[in-house]
Amino acid sequence: MTNHEYRELTEFLGRKFDAIDQKFEGIDRKFEGIDRKFEGIDRRFEGIDQKFEGVDGKFEGIDGKFEGIDTRLSRVEMLGERNQHHIELLAEGLGSLRQEMDQRFDRVDLEFAAVRGDVAVGLAAVRSEMAEGFVAVRSEMAEGFVAVRGEMAEGFAAVRSDVRGLVERVEGR
């Protein structure tokens, strides 16, 4: 093989490998797009986390109310033991406190059911979006890989053919 033929071969192979590099750069851009989609999903999860923090705050407030009721009931019981003559008055107070407590429990149950429903709807929406996103990403990746494999196979077949031609020209001289 002469220097000129060797130079032609290396230039030709260099162009082919440059083309292959460009294909991989395209794949890299597709992966960057996929990364952006995952970042969007992460932001959605952050929103859900904030909702859960809000729910936790509501439950802490409800716990505080229950502690207040427990404290009042304890005081009523202590007074009842110390002051037997006031038991009838305290019984009425306990009755109203129990009614208030029952009402609060009912409200808490309703609020909890509403929050649970909101969270379930939010999670279902996120799961659905994630499933759709993953299907789209898998499809894009599969299409991209099939296209790259095909182009690489064509490129390598052309390179092999050109190299064979060069080898035949060299051997023929």
Protein backbone atom coordinates (compact mmCIF):
# COMPACT_ATOMS: atom_id res chain seq x y z
CA MET A 1 0.00 0.00 0.00
CA THR A 2 1.45 3.38 -1.00
CA ASN A 3 1.55 6.43 1.25
CA HIS A 4 -1.09 8.11 -0.90
CA GLU A 5 -3.44 5.10 -0.65
CA TYR A 6 -2.84 4.89 3.08
CA ARG A 7 -3.65 8.59 3.46
CA GLU A 8 -6.86 8.12 1.41
CA LEU A 9 -7.85 5.20 3.60
CA THR A 10 -7.25 7.10 6.85
CA GLU A 11 -9.14 10.17 5.55
CA PHE A 12 -12.04 7.98 4.48
CA LEU A 13 -12.14 6.16 7.81
CA GLY A 14 -11.88 9.48 9.64
CA ARG A 15 -15.00 10.78 7.84
CA LYS A 16 -16.91 7.62 8.65
CA PHE A 17 -15.98 7.77 12.32
CA ASP A 18 -16.94 11.47 12.40
CA ALA A 19 -20.37 10.47 11.08
CA ILE A 20 -20.66 7.82 13.77
CA ASP A 21 -19.68 10.43 16.41
CA GLN A 22 -22.46 12.70 15.15
CA LYS A 23 -24.96 9.87 15.59
CA PHE A 24 -23.84 9.38 19.18
CA GLU A 25 -24.16 13.11 19.80
CA GLY A 26 -27.78 12.82 18.64
CA ILE A 27 -28.34 9.99 21.09
CA ASP A 28 -26.79 12.15 23.84
CA ARG A 29 -29.29 14.92 23.04
CA LYS A 30 -32.15 12.43 23.32
CA PHE A 31 -30.88 11.36 26.73
CA GLU A 32 -30.75 15.01 27.79
CA GLY A 33 -34.43 15.25 26.85
CA ILE A 34 -35.17 12.20 28.92
CA ASP A 35 -33.30 13.77 31.85
CA ARG A 36 -35.49 16.88 31.56
CA LYS A 37 -38.61 14.70 31.70
CA PHE A 38 -37.35 13.03 34.88
CA GLU A 39 -36.65 16.45 36.38
CA GLY A 40 -40.29 17.34 35.71
CA ILE A 41 -41.42 14.19 37.47
CA ASP A 42 -39.16 15.08 40.42
CA ARG A 43 -40.84 18.51 40.64
CA ARG A 44 -44.25 16.82 40.74
CA PHE A 45 -43.11 14.63 43.63
CA GLU A 46 -41.89 17.72 45.46
CA GLY A 47 -45.40 19.14 45.11
CA ILE A 48 -46.88 15.97 46.57
CA ASP A 49 -44.38 16.14 49.44
CA GLN A 50 -45.53 19.69 50.19
CA LYS A 51 -49.15 18.51 50.27
CA PHE A 52 -48.22 15.80 52.73
CA GLU A 53 -46.47 18.37 54.92
CA GLY A 54 -49.68 20.40 54.91
CA VAL A 55 -51.66 17.32 55.93
CA ASP A 56 -49.15 16.66 58.72
CA GLY A 57 -49.67 20.22 59.97
CA LYS A 58 -53.44 19.69 60.08
CA PHE A 59 -53.01 16.48 62.04
CA GLU A 60 -50.70 18.21 64.52
CA GLY A 61 -53.41 20.82 65.08
CA ILE A 62 -55.99 18.09 65.62
CA ASP A 63 -53.65 16.33 68.07
CA GLY A 64 -53.36 19.58 70.03
CA LYS A 65 -57.14 19.84 70.25
CA PHE A 66 -57.37 16.26 71.52
CA GLU A 67 -54.73 16.94 74.16
CA GLY A 68 -56.74 19.94 75.34
CA ILE A 69 -59.86 17.81 75.64
CA ASP A 70 -57.94 15.11 77.51
CA THR A 71 -56.60 17.73 79.92
CA ARG A 72 -60.10 19.09 80.57
CA LEU A 73 -61.48 15.59 81.13
CA SER A 74 -58.67 14.81 83.59
CA ARG A 75 -59.44 17.98 85.54
CA VAL A 76 -63.12 17.11 85.62
CA GLU A 77 -62.36 13.65 86.97
CA MET A 78 -60.08 15.07 89.69
CA LEU A 79 -62.69 17.59 90.73
CA GLY A 80 -65.30 14.85 90.85
CA GLU A 81 -63.19 12.80 93.24
CA ARG A 82 -62.47 15.78 95.50
CA ASN A 83 -65.92 17.27 95.47
CA GLN A 84 -68.50 14.57 95.67
CA HIS A 85 -71.22 17.15 96.14
CA HIS A 86 -70.53 18.65 92.69
CA ILE A 87 -70.78 15.35 90.81
CA GLU A 88 -74.10 16.21 89.21
CA LEU A 89 -72.73 19.47 87.87
CA LEU A 90 -69.63 17.75 86.57
CA ALA A 91 -71.68 15.01 84.94
CA GLU A 92 -73.44 17.66 82.88
CA GLY A 93 -70.07 19.19 81.96
CA LEU A 94 -68.74 15.80 80.97
CA GLY A 95 -71.79 15.17 78.85
CA SER A 96 -71.28 18.39 76.93
CA LEU A 97 -67.55 17.69 76.59
CA ARG A 98 -68.32 14.23 75.25
CA GLN A 99 -70.75 15.70 72.76
CA GLU A 100 -68.14 18.26 71.71
CA MET A 101 -65.54 15.53 71.45
CA ASP A 102 -67.88 13.36 69.36
CA GLN A 103 -68.56 16.31 67.07
CA ARG A 104 -64.85 16.99 66.70
CA PHE A 105 -64.16 13.33 65.99
CA ASP A 106 -66.85 13.42 63.31
CA ARG A 107 -65.27 16.54 61.77
CA VAL A 108 -61.81 14.97 61.94
CA ASP A 109 -63.11 11.83 60.26
CA LEU A 110 -64.64 13.92 57.46
CA GLU A 111 -61.47 16.01 57.04
CA PHE A 112 -59.30 12.91 57.06
CA ALA A 113 -61.49 11.21 54.44
CA ALA A 114 -61.31 14.32 52.23
CA VAL A 115 -57.54 14.53 52.58
CA ARG A 116 -57.16 10.82 51.92
CA GLY A 117 -59.27 11.20 48.77
CA ASP A 118 -57.21 14.18 47.56
CA VAL A 119 -53.97 12.30 48.15
CA ALA A 120 -55.28 9.20 46.35
CA VAL A 121 -56.34 11.28 43.35
CA GLY A 122 -52.98 13.08 43.27
CA LEU A 123 -51.01 9.86 43.50
CA ALA A 124 -53.12 8.22 40.79
CA ALA A 125 -52.49 11.19 38.49
CA VAL A 126 -48.75 11.09 39.15
CA ARG A 127 -48.62 7.33 38.59
CA SER A 128 -50.50 7.74 35.32
CA GLU A 129 -48.21 10.54 34.15
CA MET A 130 -45.14 8.56 35.10
CA ALA A 131 -46.40 5.48 33.26
CA GLU A 132 -47.12 7.53 30.15
CA GLY A 133 -43.74 9.23 30.41
CA PHE A 134 -41.88 5.95 30.78
CA VAL A 135 -43.72 4.41 27.84
CA ALA A 136 -42.85 7.42 25.67
CA VAL A 137 -39.22 7.39 26.80
CA ARG A 138 -38.88 3.65 26.15
CA SER A 139 -40.42 4.06 22.73
CA GLU A 140 -38.13 6.98 21.83
CA MET A 141 -35.08 5.10 23.03
CA ALA A 142 -36.02 1.96 21.13
CA GLU A 143 -36.60 3.93 17.93
CA GLY A 144 -33.34 5.81 18.39
CA PHE A 145 -31.33 2.66 18.98
CA VAL A 146 -32.88 0.88 16.00
CA ALA A 147 -32.10 3.87 13.77
CA VAL A 148 -28.53 4.14 15.06
CA ARG A 149 -27.92 0.41 14.63
CA GLY A 150 -29.21 0.56 11.08
CA GLU A 151 -27.10 3.59 10.22
CA MET A 152 -24.04 2.08 11.84
CA ALA A 153 -24.56 -1.19 9.95
CA GLU A 154 -24.88 0.73 6.67
CA GLY A 155 -21.84 2.85 7.52
CA PHE A 156 -19.71 -0.14 8.42
CA ALA A 157 -20.86 -2.04 5.33
CA ALA A 158 -19.83 0.93 3.19
CA VAL A 159 -16.49 1.17 5.00
CA ARG A 160 -15.86 -2.57 4.50
CA SER A 161 -16.72 -2.29 0.83
CA ASP A 162 -14.43 0.72 0.36
CA VAL A 163 -11.59 -0.97 2.25
CA ARG A 164 -11.98 -4.12 0.12
CA GLY A 165 -11.85 -1.95 -3.00
CA LEU A 166 -8.69 -0.24 -1.80
CA VAL A 167 -7.11 -3.58 -0.87
CA GLU A 168 -7.99 -5.01 -4.29
CA ARG A 169 -6.48 -1.97 -6.04
CA VAL A 170 -3.33 -2.26 -3.95
CA GLU A 171 -2.99 -6.00 -4.53
CA GLY A 172 -3.74 -5.62 -8.22
CA ARG A 173 -0.68 -3.36 -8.82
